[in-house]
Amino acid sequence: MSRFIHSTAQRPPLRNQQWFIFSAGVILVVTSAAKLVGSSGDASILRVYDPILGLPFRQLLMLVAAAEIVVACLCFSRLRVRARTASLVAALVAGLASAFLAYRASLWLIGWKRPCGCLGHLTDVLGISAETADWIALGLLAYRLAGSYGLLLRGLRVPTTGAPPSSAAENSAS
């Protein structure tokens, strides 16, 4: 009995992992849809070249939206699996979020003052300013970073195979 309690107490609840992975997938679907809709317009900013990657913003938005859709599909396809697969999906979410953070940091370092256009024309639909949308996008980024790295760090502390560390001591004491 104590072996069961000890081993389940060490594992992160799969339900929490599933909730984060599902919510990250939803966020990625919404932001990718916003990017695709935003890239289909004829706004002059779409013809401007990105200062970091050197691509027109239209192409950049479409490429990033495609990456988000791929990771979102993996989030939804891996909801009913083991913790190891959840860690793989969390690593993909962490990698994508880290790339976004590095991109935003690069823009900040070169003095780029425009708000992120990552939510496309969704700002017009919601009736919010570009600056507010930028803060929302930053908050969603922080959520994905904290959640994915939290799952990954928690998974590193949990043994994935074998008996819990204290079971050897329990067996020798018997």
N, C-alpha and C. Protein backbone atom coordinates (compact mmCIF):
# COMPACT_ATOMS: atom_id res chain seq x y z
N MET A 1 0.82 -1.19 0.00
CA MET A 1 0.00 0.00 0.00
C MET A 1 0.87 1.26 0.00
N SER A 2 1.88 1.32 0.87
CA SER A 2 2.71 2.52 0.93
C SER A 2 3.51 2.70 -0.37
N ARG A 3 3.85 1.59 -1.02
CA ARG A 3 4.57 1.68 -2.29
C ARG A 3 3.68 2.39 -3.33
N PHE A 4 2.40 2.05 -3.38
CA PHE A 4 1.48 2.66 -4.33
C PHE A 4 1.33 4.15 -4.04
N ILE A 5 1.14 4.51 -2.79
CA ILE A 5 0.95 5.91 -2.43
C ILE A 5 2.20 6.71 -2.76
N HIS A 6 3.37 6.13 -2.45
CA HIS A 6 4.61 6.84 -2.70
C HIS A 6 4.84 7.04 -4.20
N SER A 7 4.60 6.02 -4.99
CA SER A 7 4.89 6.14 -6.42
C SER A 7 3.91 7.07 -7.12
N THR A 8 2.64 7.09 -6.71
CA THR A 8 1.70 8.00 -7.37
C THR A 8 1.90 9.43 -6.91
N ALA A 9 2.41 9.63 -5.70
CA ALA A 9 2.64 10.99 -5.22
C ALA A 9 3.79 11.65 -5.98
N GLN A 10 4.73 10.85 -6.53
CA GLN A 10 5.86 11.42 -7.24
C GLN A 10 5.52 11.82 -8.67
N ARG A 11 4.56 11.17 -9.27
CA ARG A 11 4.23 11.44 -10.66
C ARG A 11 3.34 12.66 -10.79
N PRO A 12 3.62 13.53 -11.79
CA PRO A 12 2.70 14.65 -12.00
C PRO A 12 1.37 14.11 -12.49
N PRO A 13 0.27 14.67 -12.03
CA PRO A 13 -1.03 14.17 -12.47
C PRO A 13 -1.17 14.32 -13.98
N LEU A 14 -1.52 13.24 -14.64
CA LEU A 14 -1.67 13.26 -16.09
C LEU A 14 -2.77 14.23 -16.50
N ARG A 15 -3.77 14.38 -15.65
CA ARG A 15 -4.87 15.28 -15.96
C ARG A 15 -4.35 16.72 -16.12
N ASN A 16 -3.42 17.15 -15.26
CA ASN A 16 -2.84 18.50 -15.39
C ASN A 16 -2.04 18.62 -16.67
N GLN A 17 -1.30 17.58 -17.01
CA GLN A 17 -0.54 17.59 -18.26
C GLN A 17 -1.49 17.69 -19.45
N GLN A 18 -2.54 16.90 -19.41
CA GLN A 18 -3.50 16.91 -20.51
C GLN A 18 -4.17 18.28 -20.64
N TRP A 19 -4.51 18.89 -19.52
CA TRP A 19 -5.14 20.21 -19.56
C TRP A 19 -4.20 21.23 -20.19
N PHE A 20 -2.95 21.24 -19.76
CA PHE A 20 -2.01 22.21 -20.34
C PHE A 20 -1.82 21.95 -21.83
N ILE A 21 -1.62 20.71 -22.21
CA ILE A 21 -1.40 20.39 -23.62
C ILE A 21 -2.61 20.78 -24.45
N PHE A 22 -3.81 20.49 -23.94
CA PHE A 22 -5.03 20.88 -24.66
C PHE A 22 -5.12 22.40 -24.79
N SER A 23 -4.89 23.12 -23.69
CA SER A 23 -5.01 24.58 -23.73
C SER A 23 -3.94 25.19 -24.63
N ALA A 24 -2.73 24.64 -24.62
CA ALA A 24 -1.68 25.13 -25.52
C ALA A 24 -2.09 24.89 -26.97
N GLY A 25 -2.71 23.75 -27.25
CA GLY A 25 -3.19 23.46 -28.60
C GLY A 25 -4.25 24.45 -29.05
N VAL A 26 -5.18 24.78 -28.14
CA VAL A 26 -6.23 25.75 -28.46
C VAL A 26 -5.61 27.12 -28.75
N ILE A 27 -4.67 27.54 -27.92
CA ILE A 27 -4.00 28.83 -28.13
C ILE A 27 -3.30 28.84 -29.48
N LEU A 28 -2.61 27.75 -29.81
CA LEU A 28 -1.89 27.69 -31.07
C LEU A 28 -2.84 27.72 -32.27
N VAL A 29 -3.99 27.06 -32.16
CA VAL A 29 -4.97 27.09 -33.25
C VAL A 29 -5.50 28.51 -33.45
N VAL A 30 -5.84 29.18 -32.35
CA VAL A 30 -6.38 30.53 -32.45
C VAL A 30 -5.34 31.49 -33.03
N THR A 31 -4.12 31.44 -32.51
CA THR A 31 -3.10 32.37 -33.01
C THR A 31 -2.70 32.05 -34.44
N SER A 32 -2.67 30.78 -34.81
CA SER A 32 -2.34 30.45 -36.20
C SER A 32 -3.44 30.90 -37.14
N ALA A 33 -4.70 30.74 -36.73
CA ALA A 33 -5.81 31.22 -37.57
C ALA A 33 -5.74 32.73 -37.73
N ALA A 34 -5.42 33.44 -36.65
CA ALA A 34 -5.29 34.89 -36.73
C ALA A 34 -4.16 35.28 -37.68
N LYS A 35 -3.06 34.55 -37.63
CA LYS A 35 -1.94 34.84 -38.53
C LYS A 35 -2.32 34.58 -39.98
N LEU A 36 -3.01 33.48 -40.23
CA LEU A 36 -3.41 33.16 -41.60
C LEU A 36 -4.40 34.19 -42.15
N VAL A 37 -5.36 34.57 -41.33
CA VAL A 37 -6.32 35.59 -41.77
C VAL A 37 -5.60 36.92 -41.99
N GLY A 38 -4.72 37.27 -41.05
CA GLY A 38 -3.98 38.52 -41.17
C GLY A 38 -3.05 38.56 -42.36
N SER A 39 -2.49 37.42 -42.73
CA SER A 39 -1.56 37.39 -43.86
C SER A 39 -2.27 37.39 -45.21
N SER A 40 -3.58 37.17 -45.20
CA SER A 40 -4.31 37.12 -46.46
C SER A 40 -4.79 38.49 -46.93
N GLY A 41 -4.62 39.51 -46.10
CA GLY A 41 -5.07 40.85 -46.47
C GLY A 41 -4.12 41.56 -47.40
N ASP A 42 -4.36 42.83 -47.60
CA ASP A 42 -3.49 43.61 -48.47
C ASP A 42 -2.88 44.81 -47.73
N ALA A 43 -2.74 44.68 -46.43
CA ALA A 43 -2.13 45.74 -45.63
C ALA A 43 -0.68 45.94 -46.07
N SER A 44 -0.23 47.17 -46.05
CA SER A 44 1.12 47.48 -46.52
C SER A 44 2.20 46.82 -45.66
N ILE A 45 1.91 46.59 -44.36
CA ILE A 45 2.89 45.96 -43.47
C ILE A 45 3.25 44.55 -43.95
N LEU A 46 2.36 43.91 -44.66
CA LEU A 46 2.63 42.54 -45.13
C LEU A 46 3.72 42.50 -46.20
N ARG A 47 3.96 43.63 -46.84
CA ARG A 47 5.02 43.69 -47.86
C ARG A 47 6.35 44.15 -47.27
N VAL A 48 6.33 44.61 -46.03
CA VAL A 48 7.55 45.04 -45.36
C VAL A 48 8.36 43.81 -44.97
N TYR A 49 9.68 43.92 -45.07
CA TYR A 49 10.55 42.81 -44.72
C TYR A 49 10.81 42.80 -43.22
N ASP A 50 10.71 41.63 -42.63
CA ASP A 50 10.99 41.45 -41.21
C ASP A 50 12.45 41.81 -40.95
N PRO A 51 12.74 42.59 -39.91
CA PRO A 51 14.12 43.02 -39.67
C PRO A 51 15.03 41.92 -39.11
N ILE A 52 14.48 40.85 -38.62
CA ILE A 52 15.29 39.78 -38.04
C ILE A 52 15.56 38.67 -39.06
N LEU A 53 14.52 38.19 -39.71
CA LEU A 53 14.66 37.04 -40.61
C LEU A 53 14.75 37.43 -42.08
N GLY A 54 14.42 38.67 -42.42
CA GLY A 54 14.55 39.13 -43.78
C GLY A 54 13.48 38.63 -44.74
N LEU A 55 12.39 38.15 -44.22
CA LEU A 55 11.26 37.70 -45.05
C LEU A 55 10.17 38.75 -45.01
N PRO A 56 9.36 38.84 -46.08
CA PRO A 56 8.19 39.71 -45.98
C PRO A 56 7.28 39.20 -44.86
N PHE A 57 6.66 40.11 -44.14
CA PHE A 57 5.81 39.71 -43.01
C PHE A 57 4.72 38.72 -43.43
N ARG A 58 4.20 38.85 -44.65
CA ARG A 58 3.18 37.91 -45.12
C ARG A 58 3.72 36.47 -45.08
N GLN A 59 4.91 36.26 -45.64
CA GLN A 59 5.49 34.91 -45.65
C GLN A 59 5.83 34.44 -44.24
N LEU A 60 6.36 35.36 -43.45
CA LEU A 60 6.70 35.00 -42.08
C LEU A 60 5.47 34.56 -41.29
N LEU A 61 4.38 35.31 -41.42
CA LEU A 61 3.15 34.94 -40.72
C LEU A 61 2.65 33.57 -41.18
N MET A 62 2.72 33.29 -42.47
CA MET A 62 2.25 32.00 -42.98
C MET A 62 3.13 30.85 -42.49
N LEU A 63 4.45 31.05 -42.47
CA LEU A 63 5.35 30.01 -41.98
C LEU A 63 5.15 29.72 -40.50
N VAL A 64 5.02 30.78 -39.72
CA VAL A 64 4.82 30.61 -38.28
C VAL A 64 3.47 29.95 -38.02
N ALA A 65 2.44 30.35 -38.77
CA ALA A 65 1.12 29.73 -38.61
C ALA A 65 1.19 28.24 -38.92
N ALA A 66 1.94 27.86 -39.95
CA ALA A 66 2.08 26.44 -40.28
C ALA A 66 2.75 25.68 -39.14
N ALA A 67 3.80 26.25 -38.56
CA ALA A 67 4.48 25.61 -37.43
C ALA A 67 3.54 25.46 -36.24
N GLU A 68 2.75 26.50 -35.97
CA GLU A 68 1.79 26.44 -34.86
C GLU A 68 0.73 25.37 -35.11
N ILE A 69 0.27 25.24 -36.34
CA ILE A 69 -0.74 24.22 -36.65
C ILE A 69 -0.17 22.82 -36.45
N VAL A 70 1.06 22.60 -36.86
CA VAL A 70 1.68 21.28 -36.68
C VAL A 70 1.75 20.94 -35.19
N VAL A 71 2.24 21.87 -34.38
CA VAL A 71 2.36 21.60 -32.93
C VAL A 71 0.98 21.46 -32.31
N ALA A 72 0.01 22.25 -32.74
CA ALA A 72 -1.35 22.13 -32.20
C ALA A 72 -1.94 20.76 -32.53
N CYS A 73 -1.72 20.28 -33.74
CA CYS A 73 -2.21 18.94 -34.11
C CYS A 73 -1.59 17.87 -33.23
N LEU A 74 -0.31 18.01 -32.93
CA LEU A 74 0.34 17.05 -32.04
C LEU A 74 -0.23 17.16 -30.62
N CYS A 75 -0.54 18.38 -30.20
CA CYS A 75 -1.17 18.55 -28.87
C CYS A 75 -2.48 17.78 -28.81
N PHE A 76 -3.31 17.89 -29.83
CA PHE A 76 -4.61 17.24 -29.81
C PHE A 76 -4.52 15.74 -30.05
N SER A 77 -3.52 15.30 -30.80
CA SER A 77 -3.42 13.86 -31.08
C SER A 77 -2.79 13.09 -29.94
N ARG A 78 -2.17 13.76 -29.01
CA ARG A 78 -1.46 13.09 -27.90
C ARG A 78 -2.15 13.27 -26.56
N LEU A 79 -3.44 13.56 -26.55
CA LEU A 79 -4.11 13.82 -25.28
C LEU A 79 -4.30 12.58 -24.42
N ARG A 80 -4.47 11.43 -25.03
CA ARG A 80 -4.75 10.22 -24.25
C ARG A 80 -3.56 9.26 -24.27
N VAL A 81 -2.42 9.77 -23.90
CA VAL A 81 -1.21 8.95 -23.93
C VAL A 81 -0.46 9.06 -22.62
N ARG A 82 0.64 8.37 -22.57
CA ARG A 82 1.44 8.35 -21.35
C ARG A 82 2.19 9.65 -21.11
N ALA A 83 2.75 9.73 -19.93
CA ALA A 83 3.47 10.94 -19.53
C ALA A 83 4.68 11.19 -20.42
N ARG A 84 5.33 10.12 -20.93
CA ARG A 84 6.51 10.32 -21.79
C ARG A 84 6.14 11.07 -23.05
N THR A 85 5.01 10.72 -23.66
CA THR A 85 4.58 11.41 -24.87
C THR A 85 4.15 12.83 -24.54
N ALA A 86 3.55 13.02 -23.38
CA ALA A 86 3.18 14.37 -22.96
C ALA A 86 4.44 15.22 -22.84
N SER A 87 5.53 14.64 -22.39
CA SER A 87 6.78 15.38 -22.28
C SER A 87 7.31 15.76 -23.66
N LEU A 88 7.14 14.89 -24.63
CA LEU A 88 7.56 15.20 -26.00
C LEU A 88 6.77 16.39 -26.54
N VAL A 89 5.47 16.37 -26.36
CA VAL A 89 4.64 17.48 -26.84
C VAL A 89 4.98 18.75 -26.06
N ALA A 90 5.19 18.63 -24.75
CA ALA A 90 5.59 19.79 -23.96
C ALA A 90 6.91 20.36 -24.46
N ALA A 91 7.82 19.50 -24.88
CA ALA A 91 9.10 19.96 -25.43
C ALA A 91 8.90 20.72 -26.74
N LEU A 92 7.97 20.26 -27.56
CA LEU A 92 7.68 20.97 -28.82
C LEU A 92 7.05 22.33 -28.54
N VAL A 93 6.12 22.38 -27.59
CA VAL A 93 5.50 23.66 -27.22
C VAL A 93 6.57 24.58 -26.65
N ALA A 94 7.46 24.04 -25.81
CA ALA A 94 8.54 24.84 -25.22
C ALA A 94 9.48 25.36 -26.30
N GLY A 95 9.81 24.53 -27.26
CA GLY A 95 10.70 24.95 -28.33
C GLY A 95 10.10 26.07 -29.16
N LEU A 96 8.83 25.92 -29.52
CA LEU A 96 8.16 26.96 -30.31
C LEU A 96 8.05 28.25 -29.50
N ALA A 97 7.66 28.14 -28.24
CA ALA A 97 7.54 29.33 -27.40
C ALA A 97 8.91 29.99 -27.18
N SER A 98 9.94 29.19 -27.04
CA SER A 98 11.29 29.75 -26.88
C SER A 98 11.74 30.49 -28.13
N ALA A 99 11.39 29.96 -29.29
CA ALA A 99 11.71 30.64 -30.55
C ALA A 99 10.98 31.98 -30.63
N PHE A 100 9.72 32.01 -30.19
CA PHE A 100 8.97 33.27 -30.17
C PHE A 100 9.61 34.26 -29.21
N LEU A 101 10.04 33.77 -28.05
CA LEU A 101 10.68 34.65 -27.07
C LEU A 101 11.99 35.21 -27.63
N ALA A 102 12.78 34.36 -28.27
CA ALA A 102 14.04 34.82 -28.86
C ALA A 102 13.78 35.86 -29.96
N TYR A 103 12.74 35.64 -30.75
CA TYR A 103 12.39 36.59 -31.81
C TYR A 103 11.98 37.93 -31.21
N ARG A 104 11.12 37.89 -30.20
CA ARG A 104 10.68 39.14 -29.56
C ARG A 104 11.86 39.86 -28.91
N ALA A 105 12.75 39.10 -28.27
CA ALA A 105 13.93 39.71 -27.65
C ALA A 105 14.83 40.35 -28.71
N SER A 106 14.95 39.70 -29.84
CA SER A 106 15.76 40.26 -30.94
C SER A 106 15.16 41.56 -31.45
N LEU A 107 13.85 41.60 -31.60
CA LEU A 107 13.19 42.83 -32.02
C LEU A 107 13.44 43.95 -31.01
N TRP A 108 13.34 43.61 -29.74
CA TRP A 108 13.56 44.60 -28.68
C TRP A 108 15.00 45.11 -28.73
N LEU A 109 15.95 44.20 -28.94
CA LEU A 109 17.37 44.59 -28.95
C LEU A 109 17.71 45.52 -30.11
N ILE A 110 17.02 45.39 -31.24
CA ILE A 110 17.32 46.29 -32.36
C ILE A 110 16.47 47.56 -32.31
N GLY A 111 15.63 47.67 -31.29
CA GLY A 111 14.84 48.88 -31.12
C GLY A 111 13.55 48.93 -31.92
N TRP A 112 13.04 47.79 -32.31
CA TRP A 112 11.78 47.73 -33.06
C TRP A 112 10.66 48.18 -32.14
N LYS A 113 9.90 49.19 -32.55
CA LYS A 113 8.89 49.78 -31.69
C LYS A 113 7.46 49.38 -32.03
N ARG A 114 7.25 48.72 -33.13
CA ARG A 114 5.89 48.36 -33.52
C ARG A 114 5.38 47.19 -32.68
N PRO A 115 4.09 47.16 -32.38
CA PRO A 115 3.54 46.00 -31.66
C PRO A 115 3.59 44.76 -32.55
N CYS A 116 3.60 43.63 -31.93
CA CYS A 116 3.60 42.36 -32.65
C CYS A 116 2.30 42.24 -33.44
N GLY A 117 2.41 41.89 -34.69
CA GLY A 117 1.23 41.69 -35.52
C GLY A 117 0.79 40.23 -35.54
N CYS A 118 1.19 39.52 -34.50
CA CYS A 118 0.98 38.06 -34.50
C CYS A 118 -0.48 37.64 -34.35
N LEU A 119 -1.35 38.56 -33.98
CA LEU A 119 -2.76 38.20 -33.90
C LEU A 119 -3.55 38.68 -35.11
N GLY A 120 -2.82 39.20 -36.10
CA GLY A 120 -3.45 39.58 -37.36
C GLY A 120 -4.57 40.59 -37.17
N HIS A 121 -5.64 40.41 -37.93
CA HIS A 121 -6.79 41.32 -37.89
C HIS A 121 -7.76 40.97 -36.76
N LEU A 122 -7.38 40.02 -35.91
CA LEU A 122 -8.22 39.66 -34.78
C LEU A 122 -8.43 40.86 -33.86
N THR A 123 -7.47 41.77 -33.87
CA THR A 123 -7.61 42.98 -33.04
C THR A 123 -8.80 43.82 -33.50
N ASP A 124 -9.02 43.89 -34.81
CA ASP A 124 -10.17 44.65 -35.32
C ASP A 124 -11.48 43.97 -34.93
N VAL A 125 -11.51 42.64 -35.05
CA VAL A 125 -12.72 41.88 -34.72
C VAL A 125 -13.06 42.04 -33.24
N LEU A 126 -12.04 42.00 -32.38
CA LEU A 126 -12.26 42.11 -30.94
C LEU A 126 -12.40 43.56 -30.48
N GLY A 127 -12.05 44.49 -31.33
CA GLY A 127 -12.15 45.90 -30.97
C GLY A 127 -11.12 46.32 -29.95
N ILE A 128 -9.91 45.77 -30.06
CA ILE A 128 -8.84 46.13 -29.12
C ILE A 128 -7.69 46.76 -29.90
N SER A 129 -6.88 47.53 -29.19
CA SER A 129 -5.75 48.20 -29.84
C SER A 129 -4.63 47.20 -30.12
N ALA A 130 -3.73 47.57 -31.00
CA ALA A 130 -2.58 46.72 -31.31
C ALA A 130 -1.70 46.52 -30.07
N GLU A 131 -1.62 47.55 -29.25
CA GLU A 131 -0.80 47.45 -28.02
C GLU A 131 -1.42 46.45 -27.05
N THR A 132 -2.74 46.48 -26.91
CA THR A 132 -3.43 45.51 -26.04
C THR A 132 -3.23 44.09 -26.58
N ALA A 133 -3.36 43.94 -27.89
CA ALA A 133 -3.15 42.63 -28.51
C ALA A 133 -1.72 42.14 -28.28
N ASP A 134 -0.78 43.08 -28.30
CA ASP A 134 0.62 42.73 -28.06
C ASP A 134 0.80 42.19 -26.64
N TRP A 135 0.15 42.83 -25.67
CA TRP A 135 0.22 42.36 -24.28
C TRP A 135 -0.46 41.00 -24.12
N ILE A 136 -1.57 40.80 -24.82
CA ILE A 136 -2.25 39.50 -24.78
C ILE A 136 -1.34 38.42 -25.35
N ALA A 137 -0.73 38.71 -26.48
CA ALA A 137 0.18 37.75 -27.11
C ALA A 137 1.36 37.44 -26.19
N LEU A 138 1.86 38.44 -25.51
CA LEU A 138 2.97 38.24 -24.57
C LEU A 138 2.52 37.38 -23.39
N GLY A 139 1.31 37.61 -22.90
CA GLY A 139 0.77 36.78 -21.81
C GLY A 139 0.59 35.33 -22.23
N LEU A 140 0.10 35.12 -23.44
CA LEU A 140 -0.07 33.74 -23.95
C LEU A 140 1.29 33.07 -24.12
N LEU A 141 2.27 33.84 -24.54
CA LEU A 141 3.63 33.32 -24.66
C LEU A 141 4.17 32.92 -23.29
N ALA A 142 3.97 33.78 -22.30
CA ALA A 142 4.44 33.47 -20.94
C ALA A 142 3.76 32.21 -20.41
N TYR A 143 2.47 32.06 -20.68
CA TYR A 143 1.73 30.87 -20.24
C TYR A 143 2.31 29.61 -20.87
N ARG A 144 2.57 29.65 -22.17
CA ARG A 144 3.13 28.47 -22.84
C ARG A 144 4.53 28.17 -22.36
N LEU A 145 5.34 29.20 -22.14
CA LEU A 145 6.70 28.99 -21.64
C LEU A 145 6.67 28.37 -20.24
N ALA A 146 5.91 28.98 -19.34
CA ALA A 146 5.86 28.49 -17.95
C ALA A 146 5.27 27.09 -17.89
N GLY A 147 4.19 26.86 -18.61
CA GLY A 147 3.55 25.55 -18.57
C GLY A 147 4.40 24.45 -19.17
N SER A 148 4.97 24.70 -20.33
CA SER A 148 5.74 23.64 -20.99
C SER A 148 7.04 23.35 -20.24
N TYR A 149 7.75 24.40 -19.82
CA TYR A 149 8.98 24.15 -19.06
C TYR A 149 8.66 23.58 -17.68
N GLY A 150 7.54 23.98 -17.10
CA GLY A 150 7.13 23.38 -15.83
C GLY A 150 6.91 21.88 -15.96
N LEU A 151 6.21 21.46 -17.02
CA LEU A 151 6.00 20.03 -17.25
C LEU A 151 7.31 19.31 -17.50
N LEU A 152 8.17 19.93 -18.28
CA LEU A 152 9.46 19.29 -18.57
C LEU A 152 10.32 19.16 -17.32
N LEU A 153 10.40 20.20 -16.52
CA LEU A 153 11.20 20.13 -15.29
C LEU A 153 10.62 19.15 -14.29
N ARG A 154 9.31 19.12 -14.21
CA ARG A 154 8.66 18.17 -13.30
C ARG A 154 8.90 16.74 -13.76
N GLY A 155 8.90 16.53 -15.06
CA GLY A 155 9.16 15.21 -15.61
C GLY A 155 10.58 14.73 -15.38
N LEU A 156 11.54 15.66 -15.29
CA LEU A 156 12.93 15.28 -15.03
C LEU A 156 13.11 14.73 -13.63
N ARG A 157 12.29 15.20 -12.70
CA ARG A 157 12.42 14.76 -11.31
C ARG A 157 11.72 13.44 -11.05
N VAL A 158 10.89 12.99 -11.98
CA VAL A 158 10.09 11.80 -11.76
C VAL A 158 10.73 10.62 -12.47
N PRO A 159 11.03 9.53 -11.75
CA PRO A 159 11.57 8.35 -12.42
C PRO A 159 10.53 7.76 -13.37
N THR A 160 10.96 7.42 -14.58
CA THR A 160 10.01 6.91 -15.56
C THR A 160 9.98 5.38 -15.58
N THR A 161 11.00 4.73 -15.09
CA THR A 161 11.00 3.27 -15.06
C THR A 161 11.51 2.81 -13.71
N GLY A 162 11.24 1.57 -13.43
CA GLY A 162 11.73 0.99 -12.19
C GLY A 162 10.89 1.38 -11.00
N ALA A 163 11.31 0.92 -9.86
CA ALA A 163 10.59 1.16 -8.62
C ALA A 163 10.94 2.53 -8.07
N PRO A 164 10.07 3.08 -7.24
CA PRO A 164 10.40 4.36 -6.59
C PRO A 164 11.65 4.23 -5.75
N PRO A 165 12.41 5.30 -5.57
CA PRO A 165 13.68 5.24 -4.85
C PRO A 165 13.56 4.67 -3.44
N SER A 166 12.46 4.86 -2.75
CA SER A 166 12.36 4.39 -1.37
C SER A 166 11.97 2.92 -1.28
N SER A 167 11.60 2.27 -2.38
CA SER A 167 11.15 0.89 -2.30
C SER A 167 12.29 -0.05 -1.91
N ALA A 168 13.53 0.28 -2.30
CA ALA A 168 14.65 -0.57 -1.92
C ALA A 168 14.83 -0.53 -0.41
N ALA A 169 14.69 0.64 0.18
CA ALA A 169 14.81 0.75 1.64
C ALA A 169 13.67 0.02 2.33
N GLU A 170 12.45 0.07 1.78
CA GLU A 170 11.32 -0.62 2.37
C GLU A 170 11.53 -2.13 2.30
N ASN A 171 12.04 -2.64 1.18
CA ASN A 171 12.27 -4.07 1.03
C ASN A 171 13.36 -4.57 1.95
N SER A 172 14.41 -3.79 2.18
CA SER A 172 15.49 -4.24 3.05
C SER A 172 15.07 -4.19 4.51
N ALA A 173 14.11 -3.31 4.84
CA ALA A 173 13.66 -3.21 6.22
C ALA A 173 12.70 -4.35 6.57
N SER A 174 12.11 -5.01 5.58
CA SER A 174 11.14 -6.06 5.83
C SER A 174 11.77 -7.34 6.28
